[in-house]
Amino acid sequence: GGGMSKPMWRPGTKGPGILERAGDERSDVIINKNKNLPLTTQRQRLPIYANRSQILYLLERYRTVIVVGETGTGKTTQIPQYLYEA
């Protein structure tokens, strides 16, 4: 398809973008809009939560699972937590 591709970047250099900027200044800080909510609610609002059951099923069934998602979706923090809780 004729979609726009993301620019390539080399590890160790500044990445091509972030989710949200803090104020008008350039910053690599990602703001948690849900910080005043209970932790359980914050976790349920992460995009990865909708796929929790499928991810646990795939991890149980297959030796290797590759999860791809945008920055801030919960891949790094939530999958280990799901395994711990399972």
Protein backbone atom coordinates (compact mmCIF):
# COMPACT_ATOMS: atom_id res chain seq x y z
CA GLY A 1 0.00 0.00 0.00
CA GLY A 2 0.96 3.62 -0.31
CA GLY A 3 1.29 4.25 3.43
CA MET A 4 3.94 6.54 4.82
CA SER A 5 6.94 4.73 6.24
CA LYS A 6 8.61 5.74 9.48
CA PRO A 7 12.16 7.10 9.23
CA MET A 8 14.93 4.65 10.04
CA TRP A 9 17.18 5.44 12.98
CA ARG A 10 20.30 3.94 14.44
CA PRO A 11 20.35 2.67 18.07
CA GLY A 12 22.29 5.06 20.27
CA THR A 13 21.02 8.13 18.44
CA LYS A 14 17.93 10.21 19.16
CA GLY A 15 14.81 8.33 18.09
CA PRO A 16 12.40 9.62 15.44
CA GLY A 17 9.61 10.66 17.82
CA ILE A 18 7.72 10.26 21.10
CA LEU A 19 4.11 9.77 22.18
CA GLU A 20 3.47 13.14 23.79
CA ARG A 21 5.56 16.17 24.56
CA ALA A 22 5.52 17.87 27.95
CA GLY A 23 4.30 21.40 27.23
CA ASP A 24 5.56 23.20 24.16
CA GLU A 25 9.23 22.45 24.68
CA ARG A 26 11.00 19.51 23.09
CA SER A 27 11.24 16.68 25.58
CA ASP A 28 11.49 12.89 25.68
CA VAL A 29 9.21 12.73 28.72
CA ILE A 30 6.07 10.66 28.25
CA ILE A 31 3.26 11.93 30.43
CA ASN A 32 0.98 9.49 32.29
CA LYS A 33 -2.46 11.07 32.03
CA ASN A 34 -3.83 8.36 34.36
CA LYS A 35 -1.38 8.85 37.25
CA ASN A 36 -4.13 9.80 39.70
CA LEU A 37 -6.11 6.60 39.04
CA PRO A 38 -5.60 3.35 40.97
CA LEU A 39 -2.75 1.22 39.58
CA THR A 40 -5.16 -1.54 38.53
CA THR A 41 -7.16 0.95 36.46
CA GLN A 42 -3.98 2.37 34.91
CA ARG A 43 -2.90 -1.13 33.88
CA GLN A 44 -6.32 -1.89 32.38
CA ARG A 45 -6.15 1.28 30.28
CA LEU A 46 -2.89 0.26 28.58
CA PRO A 47 -3.46 -0.91 24.98
CA ILE A 48 -1.87 -4.32 25.68
CA TYR A 49 -4.54 -5.17 28.28
CA ALA A 50 -7.10 -5.93 25.56
CA ASN A 51 -4.80 -8.75 24.38
CA ARG A 52 -3.85 -10.16 27.81
CA SER A 53 -5.62 -13.53 27.40
CA GLN A 54 -4.32 -14.05 23.87
CA ILE A 55 -0.75 -13.22 24.93
CA LEU A 56 -0.89 -15.64 27.87
CA TYR A 57 -2.33 -18.35 25.60
CA LEU A 58 0.40 -17.84 23.00
CA LEU A 59 3.14 -17.83 25.64
CA GLU A 60 1.83 -21.11 27.02
CA ARG A 61 1.45 -22.74 23.60
CA TYR A 62 4.55 -21.52 21.75
CA ARG A 63 8.20 -21.45 22.65
CA THR A 64 8.78 -18.03 21.08
CA VAL A 65 6.33 -15.14 20.84
CA ILE A 66 7.18 -11.79 19.27
CA VAL A 67 5.08 -8.85 20.45
CA VAL A 68 5.24 -5.64 18.44
CA GLY A 69 3.62 -2.39 19.56
CA GLU A 70 4.11 1.34 19.89
CA THR A 71 6.07 2.87 22.75
CA GLY A 72 3.91 3.11 25.87
CA THR A 73 1.55 0.24 25.09
CA GLY A 74 2.71 -1.86 28.06
CA LYS A 75 4.83 -4.54 26.36
CA THR A 76 7.84 -4.34 28.66
CA THR A 77 6.03 -3.73 31.95
CA GLN A 78 2.85 -5.75 31.59
CA ILE A 79 3.88 -9.05 29.97
CA PRO A 80 6.23 -9.95 32.88
CA GLN A 81 3.44 -8.92 35.27
CA TYR A 82 0.94 -11.13 33.44
CA LEU A 83 3.34 -14.07 33.72
CA TYR A 84 3.87 -13.42 37.42
CA GLU A 85 0.13 -13.31 38.04
CA ALA A 86 -0.68 -16.38 35.90
